[in-house]
Amino acid sequence: MSHSDSPIDDGEVPFGDPIEFPITDELDLHIFRPKEVKGVVPDYLEACREKGILTVRVIHGKGIGNLRRTVESILGKLDWVESHTPASAQMGGWGATMVRLKPLNGSSDTTA
């Protein structure tokens, strides 16, 4: 198949099966496009709650702060987010946000 016959001419990866990755107490947003963040953050945090992971570090990077502000805005709209604060210097400082989630009924925190 020549390059001109390739189904991927624009550099975009075609949609296929969703990519699955392990749900842990850390979400690194560097692997996502900015437009994906609004869906990824709540979905990932909800999956954490389902697994009993109630403390999550969301890594957004320092940059000029746009992604951090987006994350904070998302977290402020989720009623099951108990709190969120900038990470300690050892955990990423301004480049990460620590999120405390409310447990689902009957679940316990496996990160404590």
Protein backbone atom coordinates (compact mmCIF):
# COMPACT_ATOMS: atom_id res chain seq x y z
CA MET A 1 0.00 0.00 0.00
CA SER A 2 1.48 3.35 -0.96
CA HIS A 3 1.34 6.34 1.36
CA SER A 4 -1.35 7.95 -0.80
CA ASP A 5 -3.51 4.82 -0.39
CA SER A 6 -3.11 4.87 3.38
CA PRO A 7 -6.34 5.31 5.34
CA ILE A 8 -4.42 7.58 7.70
CA ASP A 9 -3.30 10.59 5.70
CA ASP A 10 -3.92 13.36 8.22
CA GLY A 11 -1.78 12.05 11.08
CA GLU A 12 -4.87 11.18 13.12
CA VAL A 13 -5.23 7.76 14.69
CA PRO A 14 -8.49 6.12 13.60
CA PHE A 15 -11.06 5.32 16.24
CA GLY A 16 -11.06 1.72 17.28
CA ASP A 17 -11.53 -0.19 20.45
CA PRO A 18 -11.11 1.88 23.60
CA ILE A 19 -7.68 1.69 25.16
CA GLU A 20 -7.82 0.28 28.66
CA PHE A 21 -5.27 1.08 31.32
CA PRO A 22 -5.14 0.23 35.02
CA ILE A 23 -7.07 2.38 37.47
CA THR A 24 -4.64 3.55 40.15
CA ASP A 25 -4.36 6.45 42.57
CA GLU A 26 -2.71 8.56 39.84
CA LEU A 27 -4.06 10.09 36.63
CA ASP A 28 -1.46 11.63 34.31
CA LEU A 29 -3.23 13.94 31.88
CA HIS A 30 -0.15 14.36 29.67
CA ILE A 31 -1.26 11.38 27.58
CA PHE A 32 -4.61 12.97 26.69
CA ARG A 33 -5.56 15.72 24.29
CA PRO A 34 -6.87 18.86 26.03
CA LYS A 35 -10.35 18.32 24.57
CA GLU A 36 -10.49 14.85 26.16
CA VAL A 37 -9.80 16.04 29.71
CA LYS A 38 -13.39 17.09 30.50
CA GLY A 39 -14.56 13.52 29.97
CA VAL A 40 -11.50 11.66 31.23
CA VAL A 41 -11.25 13.28 34.67
CA PRO A 42 -14.77 12.50 35.94
CA ASP A 43 -14.79 9.04 34.34
CA TYR A 44 -11.43 8.12 35.86
CA LEU A 45 -12.33 9.44 39.31
CA GLU A 46 -15.63 7.56 39.23
CA ALA A 47 -13.72 4.38 38.37
CA CYS A 48 -11.43 5.08 41.34
CA ARG A 49 -14.45 5.38 43.63
CA GLU A 50 -15.78 2.07 42.34
CA LYS A 51 -12.44 0.45 43.25
CA GLY A 52 -12.39 2.15 46.68
CA ILE A 53 -9.52 4.48 45.74
CA LEU A 54 -10.48 7.74 47.42
CA THR A 55 -7.26 9.74 47.23
CA VAL A 56 -6.05 10.44 43.70
CA ARG A 57 -3.19 12.55 42.33
CA VAL A 58 -4.13 14.22 39.05
CA ILE A 59 -1.00 15.27 37.15
CA HIS A 60 -1.64 18.20 34.82
CA GLY A 61 1.76 19.85 34.65
CA LYS A 62 2.70 23.39 35.53
CA GLY A 63 2.77 25.19 32.17
CA ILE A 64 0.77 28.40 32.15
CA GLY A 65 -1.96 26.87 34.29
CA ASN A 66 -4.75 26.34 31.75
CA LEU A 67 -5.02 22.60 32.32
CA ARG A 68 -4.82 23.04 36.10
CA ARG A 69 -7.70 25.53 35.96
CA THR A 70 -9.72 23.15 33.78
CA VAL A 71 -9.15 20.32 36.26
CA GLU A 72 -10.14 22.56 39.20
CA SER A 73 -13.30 23.62 37.37
CA ILE A 74 -14.25 20.00 36.68
CA LEU A 75 -13.59 18.98 40.30
CA GLY A 76 -15.69 21.88 41.59
CA LYS A 77 -18.71 20.55 39.69
CA LEU A 78 -18.52 16.98 40.99
CA ASP A 79 -20.56 16.63 44.17
CA TRP A 80 -18.71 13.43 45.09
CA VAL A 81 -15.35 15.24 45.28
CA GLU A 82 -14.76 15.89 48.96
CA SER A 83 -11.79 18.22 48.45
CA HIS A 84 -8.94 19.09 46.11
CA THR A 85 -5.68 20.92 46.78
CA PRO A 86 -2.36 21.50 45.03
CA ALA A 87 -0.02 18.59 45.65
CA SER A 88 2.87 18.89 48.08
CA ALA A 89 6.28 19.72 46.61
CA GLN A 90 7.24 16.03 46.85
CA MET A 91 4.09 15.00 44.94
CA GLY A 92 4.39 17.52 42.10
CA GLY A 93 3.53 20.89 43.65
CA TRP A 94 1.60 23.15 41.26
CA GLY A 95 1.93 20.48 38.56
CA ALA A 96 -0.50 18.12 40.28
CA THR A 97 -3.73 18.25 42.26
CA MET A 98 -4.58 15.94 45.13
CA VAL A 99 -8.22 14.90 45.07
CA ARG A 100 -10.16 13.38 47.95
CA LEU A 101 -13.29 11.51 46.84
CA LYS A 102 -16.40 10.65 48.79
CA PRO A 103 -16.85 6.88 49.10
CA LEU A 104 -19.61 5.00 47.39
CA ASN A 105 -22.08 3.57 49.92
CA GLY A 106 -20.41 0.75 51.79
CA SER A 107 -16.94 1.16 50.28
CA SER A 108 -13.71 1.93 52.07
CA ASP A 109 -10.50 3.67 51.06
CA THR A 110 -7.87 1.16 49.89
CA THR A 111 -5.17 3.87 49.76
CA ALA A 112 -5.16 4.62 53.47
